[in-house]
């Protein structure tokens, strides 16, 4: 059974920092592309940051220079360090694991709430 469990969300003032974690089980973590997505109220889910199996990272323009995605393959854990948080960063943050071979796999965590007050 595949499980992605996010933690680390909470309430923080603008300018503050939070660190999210996603603990994965039931998958061979190092063979999956991992990502963080977020969904604000009334908006579509959007990609925040991703990391390929070769540790190539990609960030949404809105978070470049403020957020850092990282992985620990030994611990099967994905991280997102969020600095200089803004109220528009508020939303539910989801962990995602994808691979396309030998068939398509796409797994999601339950999400963790991040609220940034102004």
N, C-alpha and C. Protein backbone atom coordinates (compact mmCIF):
# COMPACT_ATOMS: atom_id res chain seq x y z
N UNK A 1 0.84 -1.19 0.00
CA UNK A 1 0.00 0.00 0.00
C UNK A 1 0.89 1.25 0.00
N UNK A 2 0.61 2.14 -0.94
CA UNK A 2 1.39 3.37 -1.05
C UNK A 2 0.83 4.43 -0.12
N UNK A 3 1.71 5.07 0.63
CA UNK A 3 1.31 6.17 1.49
C UNK A 3 2.29 7.32 1.35
N UNK A 4 1.74 8.52 1.19
CA UNK A 4 2.52 9.75 1.25
C UNK A 4 1.91 10.59 2.37
N UNK A 5 2.71 10.87 3.38
CA UNK A 5 2.18 11.56 4.56
C UNK A 5 2.93 12.87 4.76
N UNK A 6 2.20 13.98 4.56
CA UNK A 6 2.80 15.30 4.73
C UNK A 6 2.72 15.74 6.18
N UNK A 7 3.67 16.57 6.57
CA UNK A 7 3.65 17.17 7.90
C UNK A 7 4.40 18.49 7.84
N UNK A 8 4.20 19.30 8.88
CA UNK A 8 4.96 20.54 8.98
C UNK A 8 4.19 21.81 8.65
N UNK A 9 2.94 21.66 8.22
CA UNK A 9 2.15 22.84 7.94
C UNK A 9 1.77 23.58 9.20
N UNK A 10 1.20 24.76 9.03
CA UNK A 10 0.77 25.52 10.18
C UNK A 10 0.50 26.97 9.83
N UNK A 11 0.42 27.77 10.86
CA UNK A 11 0.16 29.20 10.71
C UNK A 11 1.45 29.97 10.98
N UNK A 12 1.76 30.89 10.08
CA UNK A 12 2.99 31.66 10.23
C UNK A 12 2.73 33.08 9.72
N UNK A 13 3.45 34.02 10.27
CA UNK A 13 3.31 35.40 9.80
C UNK A 13 4.10 35.60 8.51
N UNK A 14 3.67 36.57 7.74
CA UNK A 14 4.39 36.91 6.52
C UNK A 14 5.85 37.20 6.84
N UNK A 15 6.73 36.69 5.98
CA UNK A 15 8.16 36.83 6.22
C UNK A 15 8.77 35.67 6.96
N UNK A 16 7.92 34.82 7.52
CA UNK A 16 8.41 33.69 8.29
C UNK A 16 8.75 32.49 7.43
N UNK A 17 9.08 31.39 8.09
CA UNK A 17 9.51 30.17 7.40
C UNK A 17 8.75 28.96 7.94
N UNK A 18 8.60 27.98 7.08
CA UNK A 18 8.06 26.68 7.45
C UNK A 18 8.81 25.62 6.67
N UNK A 19 8.88 24.43 7.25
CA UNK A 19 9.50 23.32 6.57
C UNK A 19 8.52 22.17 6.50
N UNK A 20 8.19 21.73 5.30
CA UNK A 20 7.28 20.61 5.11
C UNK A 20 8.08 19.33 4.85
N UNK A 21 7.50 18.22 5.29
CA UNK A 21 8.07 16.91 5.03
C UNK A 21 7.00 16.01 4.43
N UNK A 22 7.44 15.06 3.63
CA UNK A 22 6.54 14.05 3.06
C UNK A 22 7.23 12.70 3.20
N UNK A 23 6.70 11.88 4.07
CA UNK A 23 7.24 10.54 4.28
C UNK A 23 6.53 9.55 3.37
N UNK A 24 7.30 8.86 2.54
CA UNK A 24 6.73 7.93 1.57
C UNK A 24 6.96 6.50 2.01
N UNK A 25 5.98 5.67 1.75
CA UNK A 25 6.12 4.24 1.99
C UNK A 25 5.36 3.48 0.91
N UNK A 26 5.79 2.25 0.67
CA UNK A 26 5.13 1.43 -0.34
C UNK A 26 5.61 1.67 -1.76
N UNK A 27 6.59 2.53 -1.93
CA UNK A 27 7.18 2.77 -3.25
C UNK A 27 8.70 2.73 -3.13
N UNK A 28 9.35 2.49 -4.25
CA UNK A 28 10.81 2.63 -4.30
C UNK A 28 11.09 4.10 -4.55
N UNK A 29 11.27 4.83 -3.47
CA UNK A 29 11.27 6.28 -3.48
C UNK A 29 12.21 6.86 -4.53
N UNK A 30 13.40 6.31 -4.65
CA UNK A 30 14.41 6.90 -5.53
C UNK A 30 14.06 6.79 -7.01
N UNK A 31 13.07 5.97 -7.34
CA UNK A 31 12.70 5.79 -8.75
C UNK A 31 11.52 6.67 -9.17
N UNK A 32 11.06 7.50 -8.26
CA UNK A 32 9.92 8.37 -8.54
C UNK A 32 10.35 9.83 -8.65
N UNK A 33 9.74 10.55 -9.57
CA UNK A 33 9.82 12.00 -9.58
C UNK A 33 8.88 12.51 -8.49
N UNK A 34 9.38 13.42 -7.67
CA UNK A 34 8.60 13.89 -6.53
C UNK A 34 8.29 15.36 -6.70
N UNK A 35 7.17 15.77 -6.12
CA UNK A 35 6.81 17.17 -6.24
C UNK A 35 5.92 17.65 -5.12
N UNK A 36 5.89 18.95 -4.97
CA UNK A 36 4.97 19.62 -4.05
C UNK A 36 4.01 20.46 -4.88
N UNK A 37 2.75 20.33 -4.58
CA UNK A 37 1.70 21.12 -5.20
C UNK A 37 0.95 21.86 -4.10
N UNK A 38 0.23 22.89 -4.48
CA UNK A 38 -0.62 23.58 -3.50
C UNK A 38 -1.93 23.98 -4.16
N UNK A 39 -2.92 24.11 -3.30
CA UNK A 39 -4.23 24.54 -3.77
C UNK A 39 -4.78 25.57 -2.80
N UNK A 40 -4.98 26.76 -3.31
CA UNK A 40 -5.58 27.83 -2.52
C UNK A 40 -7.11 27.76 -2.68
N UNK A 41 -7.83 28.31 -1.72
CA UNK A 41 -9.30 28.27 -1.81
C UNK A 41 -9.80 28.88 -3.11
N UNK A 42 -10.64 28.16 -3.81
CA UNK A 42 -11.21 28.66 -5.05
C UNK A 42 -10.30 28.62 -6.24
N UNK A 43 -9.12 28.03 -6.08
CA UNK A 43 -8.16 27.99 -7.19
C UNK A 43 -7.79 26.54 -7.52
N UNK A 44 -7.22 26.37 -8.69
CA UNK A 44 -6.78 25.05 -9.09
C UNK A 44 -5.47 24.68 -8.39
N UNK A 45 -5.26 23.39 -8.27
CA UNK A 45 -4.00 22.91 -7.72
C UNK A 45 -2.88 23.28 -8.68
N UNK A 46 -1.76 23.76 -8.14
CA UNK A 46 -0.64 24.18 -8.97
C UNK A 46 0.66 23.57 -8.45
N UNK A 47 1.59 23.39 -9.40
CA UNK A 47 2.90 22.87 -9.04
C UNK A 47 3.69 23.96 -8.33
N UNK A 48 4.30 23.61 -7.21
CA UNK A 48 5.16 24.53 -6.46
C UNK A 48 6.63 24.21 -6.78
N UNK A 49 6.99 22.95 -6.65
CA UNK A 49 8.37 22.55 -6.89
C UNK A 49 8.40 21.06 -7.18
N UNK A 50 9.39 20.65 -7.98
CA UNK A 50 9.52 19.23 -8.30
C UNK A 50 10.99 18.85 -8.35
N UNK A 51 11.22 17.55 -8.22
CA UNK A 51 12.58 17.02 -8.25
C UNK A 51 12.54 15.68 -8.98
N UNK A 52 13.34 15.56 -10.03
CA UNK A 52 13.36 14.31 -10.80
C UNK A 52 14.19 13.25 -10.07
N UNK A 53 14.21 12.06 -10.66
CA UNK A 53 15.02 10.98 -10.08
C UNK A 53 16.50 11.33 -10.14
N UNK A 54 16.87 12.25 -11.02
CA UNK A 54 18.26 12.69 -11.10
C UNK A 54 18.49 13.98 -10.33
N UNK A 55 17.51 14.34 -9.47
CA UNK A 55 17.61 15.52 -8.61
C UNK A 55 17.65 16.83 -9.40
N UNK A 56 17.06 16.83 -10.57
CA UNK A 56 16.87 18.07 -11.30
C UNK A 56 15.62 18.73 -10.75
N UNK A 57 15.77 19.97 -10.30
CA UNK A 57 14.66 20.64 -9.63
C UNK A 57 14.02 21.70 -10.53
N UNK A 58 12.77 21.96 -10.24
CA UNK A 58 12.02 22.96 -10.98
C UNK A 58 11.10 23.67 -10.00
N UNK A 59 10.95 24.98 -10.18
CA UNK A 59 10.14 25.76 -9.25
C UNK A 59 9.15 26.65 -10.01
N UNK A 60 8.01 26.86 -9.39
CA UNK A 60 7.11 27.87 -9.91
C UNK A 60 7.79 29.23 -9.78
N UNK A 61 7.54 30.11 -10.74
CA UNK A 61 8.17 31.43 -10.71
C UNK A 61 7.88 32.17 -9.41
N UNK A 62 6.70 31.95 -8.87
CA UNK A 62 6.28 32.67 -7.68
C UNK A 62 7.05 32.29 -6.42
N UNK A 63 7.76 31.16 -6.45
CA UNK A 63 8.48 30.71 -5.25
C UNK A 63 9.99 30.64 -5.45
N UNK A 64 10.45 30.91 -6.66
CA UNK A 64 11.89 30.84 -6.93
C UNK A 64 12.65 31.79 -6.00
N UNK A 65 13.73 31.26 -5.44
CA UNK A 65 14.54 32.06 -4.54
C UNK A 65 14.05 32.05 -3.11
N UNK A 66 12.85 31.51 -2.87
CA UNK A 66 12.30 31.47 -1.51
C UNK A 66 12.10 30.04 -1.01
N UNK A 67 11.76 29.14 -1.90
CA UNK A 67 11.49 27.74 -1.52
C UNK A 67 12.61 26.84 -2.04
N UNK A 68 12.88 25.78 -1.30
CA UNK A 68 13.86 24.80 -1.72
C UNK A 68 13.30 23.39 -1.52
N UNK A 69 13.32 22.60 -2.60
CA UNK A 69 12.88 21.22 -2.52
C UNK A 69 14.11 20.33 -2.37
N UNK A 70 13.98 19.29 -1.56
CA UNK A 70 15.09 18.36 -1.39
C UNK A 70 14.54 16.98 -1.04
N UNK A 71 15.39 15.98 -1.20
CA UNK A 71 14.99 14.60 -0.92
C UNK A 71 16.06 13.91 -0.11
N UNK A 72 15.64 12.95 0.69
CA UNK A 72 16.55 12.04 1.38
C UNK A 72 16.10 10.63 0.99
N UNK A 73 16.78 10.05 0.01
CA UNK A 73 16.38 8.73 -0.47
C UNK A 73 16.52 7.66 0.60
N UNK A 74 17.49 7.83 1.50
CA UNK A 74 17.68 6.85 2.57
C UNK A 74 16.51 6.84 3.54
N UNK A 75 15.87 8.00 3.70
CA UNK A 75 14.74 8.11 4.61
C UNK A 75 13.39 8.10 3.88
N UNK A 76 13.43 7.97 2.56
CA UNK A 76 12.18 8.00 1.77
C UNK A 76 11.36 9.25 2.08
N UNK A 77 12.03 10.37 2.16
CA UNK A 77 11.36 11.60 2.58
C UNK A 77 11.67 12.76 1.63
N UNK A 78 10.62 13.50 1.34
CA UNK A 78 10.72 14.70 0.52
C UNK A 78 10.51 15.90 1.43
N UNK A 79 11.23 16.99 1.15
CA UNK A 79 11.15 18.18 1.98
C UNK A 79 10.84 19.40 1.12
N UNK A 80 10.28 20.40 1.77
CA UNK A 80 10.12 21.71 1.14
C UNK A 80 10.41 22.76 2.21
N UNK A 81 11.50 23.46 2.04
CA UNK A 81 11.84 24.57 2.92
C UNK A 81 11.27 25.83 2.32
N UNK A 82 10.44 26.51 3.09
CA UNK A 82 9.76 27.70 2.60
C UNK A 82 10.19 28.90 3.45
N UNK A 83 10.82 29.85 2.82
CA UNK A 83 11.28 31.06 3.49
C UNK A 83 10.58 32.28 2.91
N UNK A 84 10.65 33.37 3.64
CA UNK A 84 10.05 34.64 3.19
C UNK A 84 8.63 34.43 2.72
N UNK A 85 7.86 33.75 3.53
CA UNK A 85 6.50 33.40 3.15
C UNK A 85 5.62 34.63 2.99
N UNK A 86 4.70 34.52 2.03
CA UNK A 86 3.77 35.61 1.73
C UNK A 86 2.34 35.10 1.91
N UNK A 87 1.40 35.98 2.16
CA UNK A 87 0.00 35.54 2.30
C UNK A 87 -0.48 34.74 1.09
N UNK A 88 0.00 35.05 -0.09
CA UNK A 88 -0.43 34.31 -1.27
C UNK A 88 0.15 32.90 -1.33
N UNK A 89 1.01 32.54 -0.41
CA UNK A 89 1.49 31.16 -0.32
C UNK A 89 0.50 30.27 0.45
N UNK A 90 -0.52 30.87 1.00
CA UNK A 90 -1.52 30.12 1.75
C UNK A 90 -2.22 29.09 0.89
N UNK A 91 -2.39 27.90 1.45
CA UNK A 91 -3.10 26.85 0.73
C UNK A 91 -2.82 25.50 1.36
N UNK A 92 -3.41 24.48 0.76
CA UNK A 92 -3.12 23.12 1.17
C UNK A 92 -1.99 22.61 0.28
N UNK A 93 -0.96 22.11 0.90
CA UNK A 93 0.22 21.64 0.18
C UNK A 93 0.18 20.11 0.12
N UNK A 94 0.34 19.61 -1.10
CA UNK A 94 0.26 18.18 -1.35
C UNK A 94 1.59 17.64 -1.87
N UNK A 95 1.92 16.46 -1.41
CA UNK A 95 3.08 15.73 -1.90
C UNK A 95 2.62 14.81 -3.04
N UNK A 96 3.45 14.69 -4.07
CA UNK A 96 3.11 13.87 -5.23
C UNK A 96 4.30 13.02 -5.65
N UNK A 97 4.00 11.79 -6.04
CA UNK A 97 5.03 10.88 -6.55
C UNK A 97 4.57 10.36 -7.90
N UNK A 98 5.45 10.47 -8.90
CA UNK A 98 5.09 10.05 -10.25
C UNK A 98 6.18 9.19 -10.87
N UNK A 99 5.77 8.24 -11.68
CA UNK A 99 6.68 7.60 -12.62
C UNK A 99 5.88 7.13 -13.81
N UNK A 100 6.55 6.98 -14.94
CA UNK A 100 5.84 6.67 -16.18
C UNK A 100 6.17 5.29 -16.72
N UNK A 101 7.11 4.59 -16.08
CA UNK A 101 7.53 3.28 -16.58
C UNK A 101 7.66 2.33 -15.41
N UNK A 102 7.22 1.07 -15.55
CA UNK A 102 6.70 0.41 -16.75
C UNK A 102 5.27 0.80 -17.09
N UNK A 103 4.60 1.46 -16.18
CA UNK A 103 3.30 2.05 -16.49
C UNK A 103 3.18 3.31 -15.66
N UNK A 104 2.12 4.05 -15.90
CA UNK A 104 1.96 5.31 -15.21
C UNK A 104 1.55 5.08 -13.77
N UNK A 105 2.28 5.73 -12.87
CA UNK A 105 1.96 5.75 -11.44
C UNK A 105 1.86 7.21 -11.01
N UNK A 106 0.86 7.51 -10.20
CA UNK A 106 0.64 8.89 -9.77
C UNK A 106 -0.03 8.84 -8.39
N UNK A 107 0.74 9.18 -7.37
CA UNK A 107 0.23 9.08 -6.00
C UNK A 107 0.24 10.45 -5.33
N UNK A 108 -0.74 10.65 -4.42
CA UNK A 108 -0.90 11.93 -3.72
C UNK A 108 -1.02 11.69 -2.22
N UNK A 109 -0.50 12.65 -1.47
CA UNK A 109 -0.72 12.65 -0.04
C UNK A 109 -2.05 13.33 0.28
N UNK A 110 -2.36 13.40 1.57
CA UNK A 110 -3.64 13.96 1.99
C UNK A 110 -3.60 15.47 2.12
N UNK A 111 -2.40 16.03 2.11
CA UNK A 111 -2.24 17.49 2.17
C UNK A 111 -2.01 18.00 3.58
N UNK A 112 -1.34 19.15 3.64
CA UNK A 112 -1.13 19.83 4.92
C UNK A 112 -1.38 21.32 4.71
N UNK A 113 -2.09 21.93 5.64
CA UNK A 113 -2.49 23.32 5.49
C UNK A 113 -1.36 24.26 5.87
N UNK A 114 -1.12 25.23 5.01
CA UNK A 114 -0.18 26.32 5.30
C UNK A 114 -0.96 27.62 5.22
N UNK A 115 -0.91 28.38 6.29
CA UNK A 115 -1.60 29.67 6.34
C UNK A 115 -0.59 30.75 6.71
N UNK A 116 -0.50 31.75 5.85
CA UNK A 116 0.42 32.86 6.07
C UNK A 116 -0.40 34.12 6.32
N UNK A 117 -0.26 34.68 7.51
CA UNK A 117 -1.02 35.87 7.87
C UNK A 117 -0.22 37.13 7.52
N UNK A 118 -0.97 38.16 7.19
CA UNK A 118 -0.31 39.42 6.80
C UNK A 118 -0.09 40.33 7.99
